[in-house]
Amino acid sequence: MKAMMLDYRKREYCELSAHGFRVLADAVEVERPYE
């Protein structure tokens, strides 16, 4: 995990993490069945 994290620069890592969490929230809020 450390090796994978260090492949990013700090800002790049933080922006990717934040974007991913927003994408997750968007996917939940569309309220699809997800069966």
PDB file of all heavy atoms in Angstrom:
ATOM      1  N   MET A   1       0.829  -1.201   0.000  1.00  0.00           N
ATOM      2  CA  MET A   1       0.000   0.000   0.000  1.00  0.00           C
ATOM      3  C   MET A   1       0.865   1.253   0.000  1.00  0.00           C
ATOM      4  O   MET A   1       0.565   2.233  -0.705  1.00  0.00           O
ATOM      5  CB  MET A   1      -0.925  -0.005   1.219  1.00  0.00           C
ATOM      6  CG  MET A   1      -2.031   1.042   1.157  1.00  0.00           C
ATOM      7  SD  MET A   1      -3.190   0.700  -0.189  1.00  0.00           S
ATOM      8  CE  MET A   1      -3.753   2.369  -0.582  1.00  0.00           C
ATOM      9  N   LYS A   2       1.950   1.228   0.747  1.00  0.00           N
ATOM     10  CA  LYS A   2       2.864   2.374   0.763  1.00  0.00           C
ATOM     11  C   LYS A   2       3.449   2.606  -0.617  1.00  0.00           C
ATOM     12  O   LYS A   2       3.509   3.757  -1.095  1.00  0.00           O
ATOM     13  CB  LYS A   2       3.982   2.132   1.779  1.00  0.00           C
ATOM     14  CG  LYS A   2       4.998   3.268   1.868  1.00  0.00           C
ATOM     15  CD  LYS A   2       6.057   2.983   2.922  1.00  0.00           C
ATOM     16  CE  LYS A   2       7.061   4.109   3.014  1.00  0.00           C
ATOM     17  NZ  LYS A   2       8.112   3.834   4.044  1.00  0.00           N
ATOM     18  N   ALA A   3       3.864   1.540  -1.281  1.00  0.00           N
ATOM     19  CA  ALA A   3       4.447   1.674  -2.618  1.00  0.00           C
ATOM     20  C   ALA A   3       3.431   2.246  -3.604  1.00  0.00           C
ATOM     21  O   ALA A   3       3.768   3.096  -4.442  1.00  0.00           O
ATOM     22  CB  ALA A   3       4.948   0.313  -3.104  1.00  0.00           C
ATOM     23  N   MET A   4       2.180   1.793  -3.518  1.00  0.00           N
ATOM     24  CA  MET A   4       1.156   2.313  -4.426  1.00  0.00           C
ATOM     25  C   MET A   4       0.866   3.774  -4.140  1.00  0.00           C
ATOM     26  O   MET A   4       0.685   4.574  -5.068  1.00  0.00           O
ATOM     27  CB  MET A   4      -0.116   1.460  -4.320  1.00  0.00           C
ATOM     28  CG  MET A   4       0.049   0.053  -4.870  1.00  0.00           C
ATOM     29  SD  MET A   4      -1.485  -0.920  -4.986  1.00  0.00           S
ATOM     30  CE  MET A   4      -1.867  -1.167  -3.240  1.00  0.00           C
ATOM     31  N   MET A   5       0.830   4.167  -2.874  1.00  0.00           N
ATOM     32  CA  MET A   5       0.572   5.560  -2.527  1.00  0.00           C
ATOM     33  C   MET A   5       1.707   6.466  -2.999  1.00  0.00           C
ATOM     34  O   MET A   5       1.468   7.569  -3.498  1.00  0.00           O
ATOM     35  CB  MET A   5       0.387   5.707  -1.017  1.00  0.00           C
ATOM     36  CG  MET A   5      -0.902   5.106  -0.490  1.00  0.00           C
ATOM     37  SD  MET A   5      -1.120   5.362   1.297  1.00  0.00           S
ATOM     38  CE  MET A   5      -1.429   7.142   1.359  1.00  0.00           C
ATOM     39  N   LEU A   6       2.946   6.003  -2.860  1.00  0.00           N
ATOM     40  CA  LEU A   6       4.097   6.839  -3.204  1.00  0.00           C
ATOM     41  C   LEU A   6       4.269   7.019  -4.708  1.00  0.00           C
ATOM     42  O   LEU A   6       5.112   7.809  -5.141  1.00  0.00           O
ATOM     43  CB  LEU A   6       5.369   6.266  -2.588  1.00  0.00           C
ATOM     44  CG  LEU A   6       5.473   6.408  -1.061  1.00  0.00           C
ATOM     45  CD1 LEU A   6       6.713   5.702  -0.535  1.00  0.00           C
ATOM     46  CD2 LEU A   6       5.490   7.890  -0.659  1.00  0.00           C
ATOM     47  N   ASP A   7       3.482   6.304  -5.502  1.00  0.00           N
ATOM     48  CA  ASP A   7       3.493   6.544  -6.946  1.00  0.00           C
ATOM     49  C   ASP A   7       2.785   7.847  -7.310  1.00  0.00           C
ATOM     50  O   ASP A   7       2.878   8.316  -8.443  1.00  0.00           O
ATOM     51  CB  ASP A   7       2.823   5.380  -7.694  1.00  0.00           C
ATOM     52  CG  ASP A   7       3.792   4.248  -7.975  1.00  0.00           C
ATOM     53  OD1 ASP A   7       5.004   4.435  -7.725  1.00  0.00           O
ATOM     54  OD2 ASP A   7       3.357   3.185  -8.428  1.00  0.00           O
ATOM     55  N   TYR A   8       2.054   8.420  -6.340  1.00  0.00           N
ATOM     56  CA  TYR A   8       1.363   9.687  -6.564  1.00  0.00           C
ATOM     57  C   TYR A   8       2.104  10.826  -5.887  1.00  0.00           C
ATOM     58  O   TYR A   8       2.837  10.612  -4.920  1.00  0.00           O
ATOM     59  CB  TYR A   8      -0.059   9.633  -5.981  1.00  0.00           C
ATOM     60  CG  TYR A   8      -0.943   8.540  -6.523  1.00  0.00           C
ATOM     61  CD1 TYR A   8      -1.088   7.330  -5.840  1.00  0.00           C
ATOM     62  CD2 TYR A   8      -1.660   8.718  -7.703  1.00  0.00           C
ATOM     63  CE1 TYR A   8      -1.912   6.328  -6.324  1.00  0.00           C
ATOM     64  CE2 TYR A   8      -2.488   7.719  -8.198  1.00  0.00           C
ATOM     65  CZ  TYR A   8      -2.612   6.531  -7.510  1.00  0.00           C
ATOM     66  OH  TYR A   8      -3.423   5.537  -7.995  1.00  0.00           O
ATOM     67  N   ARG A   9       1.887  12.026  -6.368  1.00  0.00           N
ATOM     68  CA  ARG A   9       2.234  13.214  -5.600  1.00  0.00           C
ATOM     69  C   ARG A   9       1.090  13.475  -4.619  1.00  0.00           C
ATOM     70  O   ARG A   9      -0.030  13.000  -4.820  1.00  0.00           O
ATOM     71  CB  ARG A   9       2.421  14.419  -6.517  1.00  0.00           C
ATOM     72  CG  ARG A   9       3.543  14.236  -7.540  1.00  0.00           C
ATOM     73  CD  ARG A   9       3.671  15.468  -8.432  1.00  0.00           C
ATOM     74  NE  ARG A   9       2.422  15.756  -9.132  1.00  0.00           N
ATOM     75  CZ  ARG A   9       2.033  15.160 -10.251  1.00  0.00           C
ATOM     76  NH1 ARG A   9       2.786  14.210 -10.798  1.00  0.00           N
ATOM     77  NH2 ARG A   9       0.882  15.485 -10.824  1.00  0.00           N
ATOM     78  N   LYS A  10       1.375  14.211  -3.567  1.00  0.00           N
ATOM     79  CA  LYS A  10       0.362  14.397  -2.525  1.00  0.00           C
ATOM     80  C   LYS A  10      -0.933  14.980  -3.081  1.00  0.00           C
ATOM     81  O   LYS A  10      -2.020  14.436  -2.843  1.00  0.00           O
ATOM     82  CB  LYS A  10       0.874  15.280  -1.399  1.00  0.00           C
ATOM     83  CG  LYS A  10      -0.190  15.482  -0.318  1.00  0.00           C
ATOM     84  CD  LYS A  10       0.217  16.473   0.757  1.00  0.00           C
ATOM     85  CE  LYS A  10      -0.929  16.668   1.747  1.00  0.00           C
ATOM     86  NZ  LYS A  10      -0.604  17.654   2.800  1.00  0.00           N
ATOM     87  N   ARG A  11      -0.851  16.085  -3.816  1.00  0.00           N
ATOM     88  CA  ARG A  11      -2.076  16.713  -4.319  1.00  0.00           C
ATOM     89  C   ARG A  11      -2.818  15.785  -5.266  1.00  0.00           C
ATOM     90  O   ARG A  11      -4.046  15.702  -5.231  1.00  0.00           O
ATOM     91  CB  ARG A  11      -1.758  18.051  -5.002  1.00  0.00           C
ATOM     92  CG  ARG A  11      -2.998  18.726  -5.603  1.00  0.00           C
ATOM     93  CD  ARG A  11      -2.741  20.160  -5.940  1.00  0.00           C
ATOM     94  NE  ARG A  11      -2.638  20.987  -4.753  1.00  0.00           N
ATOM     95  CZ  ARG A  11      -3.695  21.527  -4.104  1.00  0.00           C
ATOM     96  NH1 ARG A  11      -4.925  21.267  -4.527  1.00  0.00           N
ATOM     97  NH2 ARG A  11      -3.512  22.285  -3.054  1.00  0.00           N
ATOM     98  N   GLU A  12      -2.078  15.084  -6.103  1.00  0.00           N
ATOM     99  CA  GLU A  12      -2.704  14.137  -7.026  1.00  0.00           C
ATOM    100  C   GLU A  12      -3.469  13.064  -6.250  1.00  0.00           C
ATOM    101  O   GLU A  12      -4.613  12.723  -6.591  1.00  0.00           O
ATOM    102  CB  GLU A  12      -1.626  13.496  -7.908  1.00  0.00           C
ATOM    103  CG  GLU A  12      -2.154  12.495  -8.913  1.00  0.00           C
ATOM    104  CD  GLU A  12      -1.028  11.808  -9.683  1.00  0.00           C
ATOM    105  OE1 GLU A  12       0.095  11.709  -9.141  1.00  0.00           O
ATOM    106  OE2 GLU A  12      -1.284  11.376 -10.819  1.00  0.00           O
ATOM    107  N   TYR A  13      -2.849  12.541  -5.211  1.00  0.00           N
ATOM    108  CA  TYR A  13      -3.491  11.516  -4.387  1.00  0.00           C
ATOM    109  C   TYR A  13      -4.751  12.068  -3.722  1.00  0.00           C
ATOM    110  O   TYR A  13      -5.802  11.411  -3.714  1.00  0.00           O
ATOM    111  CB  TYR A  13      -2.511  11.014  -3.328  1.00  0.00           C
ATOM    112  CG  TYR A  13      -3.101  10.023  -2.369  1.00  0.00           C
ATOM    113  CD1 TYR A  13      -3.108   8.659  -2.652  1.00  0.00           C
ATOM    114  CD2 TYR A  13      -3.671  10.440  -1.161  1.00  0.00           C
ATOM    115  CE1 TYR A  13      -3.662   7.736  -1.762  1.00  0.00           C
ATOM    116  CE2 TYR A  13      -4.219   9.529  -0.269  1.00  0.00           C
ATOM    117  CZ  TYR A  13      -4.215   8.187  -0.582  1.00  0.00           C
ATOM    118  OH  TYR A  13      -4.767   7.284   0.290  1.00  0.00           O
ATOM    119  N   CYS A  14      -4.667  13.247  -3.167  1.00  0.00           N
ATOM    120  CA  CYS A  14      -5.804  13.833  -2.459  1.00  0.00           C
ATOM    121  C   CYS A  14      -6.954  14.137  -3.417  1.00  0.00           C
ATOM    122  O   CYS A  14      -8.120  13.905  -3.097  1.00  0.00           O
ATOM    123  CB  CYS A  14      -5.376  15.105  -1.735  1.00  0.00           C
ATOM    124  SG  CYS A  14      -4.201  14.834  -0.388  1.00  0.00           S
ATOM    125  N   GLU A  15      -6.629  14.649  -4.600  1.00  0.00           N
ATOM    126  CA  GLU A  15      -7.668  14.960  -5.580  1.00  0.00           C
ATOM    127  C   GLU A  15      -8.325  13.693  -6.111  1.00  0.00           C
ATOM    128  O   GLU A  15      -9.547  13.654  -6.311  1.00  0.00           O
ATOM    129  CB  GLU A  15      -7.088  15.790  -6.715  1.00  0.00           C
ATOM    130  CG  GLU A  15      -6.718  17.203  -6.277  1.00  0.00           C
ATOM    131  CD  GLU A  15      -6.097  18.032  -7.400  1.00  0.00           C
ATOM    132  OE1 GLU A  15      -5.759  17.438  -8.444  1.00  0.00           O
ATOM    133  OE2 GLU A  15      -5.952  19.259  -7.219  1.00  0.00           O
ATOM    134  N   LEU A  16      -7.529  12.648  -6.328  1.00  0.00           N
ATOM    135  CA  LEU A  16      -8.095  11.383  -6.776  1.00  0.00           C
ATOM    136  C   LEU A  16      -9.004  10.791  -5.705  1.00  0.00           C
ATOM    137  O   LEU A  16     -10.117  10.319  -6.005  1.00  0.00           O
ATOM    138  CB  LEU A  16      -6.966  10.398  -7.114  1.00  0.00           C
ATOM    139  CG  LEU A  16      -7.385   8.961  -7.442  1.00  0.00           C
ATOM    140  CD1 LEU A  16      -8.351   8.917  -8.621  1.00  0.00           C
ATOM    141  CD2 LEU A  16      -6.145   8.099  -7.722  1.00  0.00           C
ATOM    142  N   SER A  17      -8.558  10.797  -4.460  1.00  0.00           N
ATOM    143  CA  SER A  17      -9.374  10.264  -3.369  1.00  0.00           C
ATOM    144  C   SER A  17     -10.693  11.021  -3.266  1.00  0.00           C
ATOM    145  O   SER A  17     -11.775  10.410  -3.172  1.00  0.00           O
ATOM    146  CB  SER A  17      -8.616  10.357  -2.048  1.00  0.00           C
ATOM    147  OG  SER A  17      -7.438   9.582  -2.071  1.00  0.00           O
ATOM    148  N   ALA A  18     -10.624  12.339  -3.285  1.00  0.00           N
ATOM    149  CA  ALA A  18     -11.834  13.149  -3.156  1.00  0.00           C
ATOM    150  C   ALA A  18     -12.784  12.910  -4.324  1.00  0.00           C
ATOM    151  O   ALA A  18     -14.003  12.807  -4.135  1.00  0.00           O
ATOM    152  CB  ALA A  18     -11.462  14.627  -3.069  1.00  0.00           C
ATOM    153  N   HIS A  19     -12.236  12.820  -5.535  1.00  0.00           N
ATOM    154  CA  HIS A  19     -13.083  12.562  -6.695  1.00  0.00           C
ATOM    155  C   HIS A  19     -13.770  11.203  -6.579  1.00  0.00           C
ATOM    156  O   HIS A  19     -14.971  11.066  -6.850  1.00  0.00           O
ATOM    157  CB  HIS A  19     -12.259  12.624  -7.981  1.00  0.00           C
ATOM    158  CG  HIS A  19     -13.061  12.374  -9.211  1.00  0.00           C
ATOM    159  ND1 HIS A  19     -13.924  13.313  -9.732  1.00  0.00           N
ATOM    160  CD2 HIS A  19     -13.164  11.287 -10.030  1.00  0.00           C
ATOM    161  CE1 HIS A  19     -14.518  12.819 -10.816  1.00  0.00           C
ATOM    162  NE2 HIS A  19     -14.066  11.600 -11.008  1.00  0.00           N
ATOM    163  N   GLY A  20     -13.019  10.193  -6.170  1.00  0.00           N
ATOM    164  CA  GLY A  20     -13.593   8.860  -6.026  1.00  0.00           C
ATOM    165  C   GLY A  20     -14.727   8.819  -5.024  1.00  0.00           C
ATOM    166  O   GLY A  20     -15.763   8.175  -5.254  1.00  0.00           O
ATOM    167  N   PHE A  21     -14.566   9.513  -3.901  1.00  0.00           N
ATOM    168  CA  PHE A  21     -15.635   9.531  -2.892  1.00  0.00           C
ATOM    169  C   PHE A  21     -16.876  10.254  -3.416  1.00  0.00           C
ATOM    170  O   PHE A  21     -18.006   9.846  -3.130  1.00  0.00           O
ATOM    171  CB  PHE A  21     -15.131  10.173  -1.601  1.00  0.00           C
ATOM    172  CG  PHE A  21     -14.171   9.320  -0.831  1.00  0.00           C
ATOM    173  CD1 PHE A  21     -12.959   9.841  -0.370  1.00  0.00           C
ATOM    174  CD2 PHE A  21     -14.459   7.986  -0.565  1.00  0.00           C
ATOM    175  CE1 PHE A  21     -12.070   9.051   0.344  1.00  0.00           C
ATOM    176  CE2 PHE A  21     -13.571   7.190   0.149  1.00  0.00           C
ATOM    177  CZ  PHE A  21     -12.378   7.715   0.596  1.00  0.00           C
ATOM    178  N   ARG A  22     -16.661  11.326  -4.198  1.00  0.00           N
ATOM    179  CA  ARG A  22     -17.817  12.020  -4.790  1.00  0.00           C
ATOM    180  C   ARG A  22     -18.533  11.121  -5.787  1.00  0.00           C
ATOM    181  O   ARG A  22     -19.774  11.089  -5.837  1.00  0.00           O
ATOM    182  CB  ARG A  22     -17.370  13.311  -5.471  1.00  0.00           C
ATOM    183  CG  ARG A  22     -16.987  14.429  -4.516  1.00  0.00           C
ATOM    184  CD  ARG A  22     -16.889  15.757  -5.236  1.00  0.00           C
ATOM    185  NE  ARG A  22     -15.905  15.736  -6.305  1.00  0.00           N
ATOM    186  CZ  ARG A  22     -14.614  16.033  -6.161  1.00  0.00           C
ATOM    187  NH1 ARG A  22     -14.152  16.355  -4.963  1.00  0.00           N
ATOM    188  NH2 ARG A  22     -13.794  16.002  -7.188  1.00  0.00           N
ATOM    189  N   VAL A  23     -17.767  10.390  -6.588  1.00  0.00           N
ATOM    190  CA  VAL A  23     -18.355   9.463  -7.553  1.00  0.00           C
ATOM    191  C   VAL A  23     -19.182   8.396  -6.829  1.00  0.00           C
ATOM    192  O   VAL A  23     -20.280   8.028  -7.275  1.00  0.00           O
ATOM    193  CB  VAL A  23     -17.246   8.815  -8.416  1.00  0.00           C
ATOM    194  CG1 VAL A  23     -17.750   7.581  -9.147  1.00  0.00           C
ATOM    195  CG2 VAL A  23     -16.698   9.837  -9.413  1.00  0.00           C
ATOM    196  N   LEU A  24     -18.664   7.902  -5.720  1.00  0.00           N
ATOM    197  CA  LEU A  24     -19.401   6.921  -4.933  1.00  0.00           C
ATOM    198  C   LEU A  24     -20.713   7.513  -4.425  1.00  0.00           C
ATOM    199  O   LEU A  24     -21.774   6.882  -4.536  1.00  0.00           O
ATOM    200  CB  LEU A  24     -18.544   6.444  -3.761  1.00  0.00           C
ATOM    201  CG  LEU A  24     -19.243   5.581  -2.711  1.00  0.00           C
ATOM    202  CD1 LEU A  24     -19.851   4.335  -3.332  1.00  0.00           C
ATOM    203  CD2 LEU A  24     -18.260   5.210  -1.599  1.00  0.00           C
ATOM    204  N   ALA A  25     -20.658   8.719  -3.880  1.00  0.00           N
ATOM    205  CA  ALA A  25     -21.878   9.360  -3.379  1.00  0.00           C
ATOM    206  C   ALA A  25     -22.891   9.546  -4.506  1.00  0.00           C
ATOM    207  O   ALA A  25     -24.093   9.300  -4.324  1.00  0.00           O
ATOM    208  CB  ALA A  25     -21.532  10.704  -2.733  1.00  0.00           C
ATOM    209  N   ASP A  26     -22.417   9.970  -5.673  1.00  0.00           N
ATOM    210  CA  ASP A  26     -23.320  10.143  -6.815  1.00  0.00           C
ATOM    211  C   ASP A  26     -23.978   8.823  -7.204  1.00  0.00           C
ATOM    212  O   ASP A  26     -25.177   8.778  -7.502  1.00  0.00           O
ATOM    213  CB  ASP A  26     -22.549  10.690  -8.024  1.00  0.00           C
ATOM    214  CG  ASP A  26     -22.126  12.138  -7.860  1.00  0.00           C
ATOM    215  OD1 ASP A  26     -22.678  12.824  -6.980  1.00  0.00           O
ATOM    216  OD2 ASP A  26     -21.228  12.571  -8.614  1.00  0.00           O
ATOM    217  N   ALA A  27     -23.202   7.753  -7.210  1.00  0.00           N
ATOM    218  CA  ALA A  27     -23.729   6.445  -7.610  1.00  0.00           C
ATOM    219  C   ALA A  27     -24.789   5.962  -6.637  1.00  0.00           C
ATOM    220  O   ALA A  27     -25.787   5.341  -7.033  1.00  0.00           O
ATOM    221  CB  ALA A  27     -22.592   5.432  -7.710  1.00  0.00           C
ATOM    222  N   VAL A  28     -24.591   6.220  -5.344  1.00  0.00           N
ATOM    223  CA  VAL A  28     -25.578   5.822  -4.344  1.00  0.00           C
ATOM    224  C   VAL A  28     -26.855   6.645  -4.508  1.00  0.00           C
ATOM    225  O   VAL A  28     -27.973   6.121  -4.464  1.00  0.00           O
ATOM    226  CB  VAL A  28     -25.008   5.994  -2.924  1.00  0.00           C
ATOM    227  CG1 VAL A  28     -26.105   5.814  -1.874  1.00  0.00           C
ATOM    228  CG2 VAL A  28     -23.874   4.998  -2.687  1.00  0.00           C
ATOM    229  N   GLU A  29     -26.705   7.954  -4.735  1.00  0.00           N
ATOM    230  CA  GLU A  29     -27.848   8.854  -4.710  1.00  0.00           C
ATOM    231  C   GLU A  29     -28.756   8.740  -5.939  1.00  0.00           C
ATOM    232  O   GLU A  29     -29.872   9.254  -5.910  1.00  0.00           O
ATOM    233  CB  GLU A  29     -27.377  10.293  -4.517  1.00  0.00           C
ATOM    234  CG  GLU A  29     -26.853  10.537  -3.097  1.00  0.00           C
ATOM    235  CD  GLU A  29     -26.518  11.987  -2.821  1.00  0.00           C
ATOM    236  OE1 GLU A  29     -26.154  12.700  -3.780  1.00  0.00           O
ATOM    237  OE2 GLU A  29     -26.633  12.398  -1.654  1.00  0.00           O
ATOM    238  N   VAL A  30     -28.319   8.069  -7.002  1.00  0.00           N
ATOM    239  CA  VAL A  30     -29.220   7.880  -8.143  1.00  0.00           C
ATOM    240  C   VAL A  30     -30.301   6.852  -7.814  1.00  0.00           C
ATOM    241  O   VAL A  30     -31.290   6.723  -8.531  1.00  0.00           O
ATOM    242  CB  VAL A  30     -28.467   7.452  -9.423  1.00  0.00           C
ATOM    243  CG1 VAL A  30     -27.528   8.533  -9.886  1.00  0.00           C
ATOM    244  CG2 VAL A  30     -27.734   6.133  -9.230  1.00  0.00           C
ATOM    245  N   GLU A  31     -30.096   6.104  -6.713  1.00  0.00           N
ATOM    246  CA  GLU A  31     -31.105   5.175  -6.198  1.00  0.00           C
ATOM    247  C   GLU A  31     -31.520   4.126  -7.231  1.00  0.00           C
ATOM    248  O   GLU A  31     -32.703   3.837  -7.407  1.00  0.00           O
ATOM    249  CB  GLU A  31     -32.322   5.938  -5.674  1.00  0.00           C
ATOM    250  CG  GLU A  31     -31.984   6.878  -4.534  1.00  0.00           C
ATOM    251  CD  GLU A  31     -33.204   7.367  -3.779  1.00  0.00           C
ATOM    252  OE1 GLU A  31     -34.099   6.549  -3.531  1.00  0.00           O
ATOM    253  OE2 GLU A  31     -33.249   8.558  -3.445  1.00  0.00           O
ATOM    254  N   ARG A  32     -30.531   3.534  -7.892  1.00  0.00           N
ATOM    255  CA  ARG A  32     -30.813   2.408  -8.771  1.00  0.00           C
ATOM    256  C   ARG A  32     -31.025   1.153  -7.921  1.00  0.00           C
ATOM    257  O   ARG A  32     -30.628   1.103  -6.754  1.00  0.00           O
ATOM    258  CB  ARG A  32     -29.654   2.206  -9.748  1.00  0.00           C
ATOM    259  CG  ARG A  32     -29.520   3.320 -10.774  1.00  0.00           C
ATOM    260  CD  ARG A  32     -28.353   3.075 -11.692  1.00  0.00           C
ATOM    261  NE  ARG A  32     -28.191   4.157 -12.643  1.00  0.00           N
ATOM    262  CZ  ARG A  32     -27.111   4.338 -13.407  1.00  0.00           C
ATOM    263  NH1 ARG A  32     -26.105   3.474 -13.320  1.00  0.00           N
ATOM    264  NH2 ARG A  32     -27.045   5.350 -14.251  1.00  0.00           N
ATOM    265  N   PRO A  33     -31.623   0.110  -8.516  1.00  0.00           N
ATOM    266  CA  PRO A  33     -31.890  -1.099  -7.720  1.00  0.00           C
ATOM    267  C   PRO A  33     -30.621  -1.789  -7.212  1.00  0.00           C
ATOM    268  O   PRO A  33     -30.600  -2.293  -6.082  1.00  0.00           O
ATOM    269  CB  PRO A  33     -32.649  -2.000  -8.706  1.00  0.00           C
ATOM    270  CG  PRO A  33     -33.215  -1.082  -9.717  1.00  0.00           C
ATOM    271  CD  PRO A  33     -32.232   0.031  -9.850  1.00  0.00           C
ATOM    272  N   TYR A  34     -29.572  -1.847  -8.050  1.00  0.00           N
ATOM    273  CA  TYR A  34     -28.314  -2.518  -7.692  1.00  0.00           C
ATOM    274  C   TYR A  34     -28.558  -3.923  -7.138  1.00  0.00           C
ATOM    275  O   TYR A  34     -27.993  -4.314  -6.106  1.00  0.00           O
ATOM    276  CB  TYR A  34     -27.504  -1.685  -6.700  1.00  0.00           C
ATOM    277  CG  TYR A  34     -27.031  -0.362  -7.247  1.00  0.00           C
ATOM    278  CD1 TYR A  34     -27.388   0.837  -6.635  1.00  0.00           C
ATOM    279  CD2 TYR A  34     -26.234  -0.297  -8.388  1.00  0.00           C
ATOM    280  CE1 TYR A  34     -26.950   2.066  -7.134  1.00  0.00           C
ATOM    281  CE2 TYR A  34     -25.801   0.928  -8.906  1.00  0.00           C
ATOM    282  CZ  TYR A  34     -26.165   2.107  -8.272  1.00  0.00           C
ATOM    283  OH  TYR A  34     -25.743   3.315  -8.771  1.00  0.00           O
ATOM    284  N   GLU A  35     -29.401  -4.675  -7.836  1.00  0.00           N
ATOM    285  CA  GLU A  35     -29.658  -6.052  -7.448  1.00  0.00           C
ATOM    286  C   GLU A  35     -28.531  -6.955  -7.949  1.00  0.00           C
ATOM    287  O   GLU A  35     -28.091  -6.814  -9.097  1.00  0.00           O
ATOM    288  CB  GLU A  35     -30.990  -6.536  -8.016  1.00  0.00           C
ATOM    289  CG  GLU A  35     -32.207  -5.797  -7.462  1.00  0.00           C
ATOM    290  CD  GLU A  35     -32.442  -6.060  -5.987  1.00  0.00           C
ATOM    291  OE1 GLU A  35     -31.887  -7.046  -5.456  1.00  0.00           O
ATOM    292  OE2 GLU A  35     -33.189  -5.278  -5.364  1.00  0.00           O
TER     293      GLU A  35
END
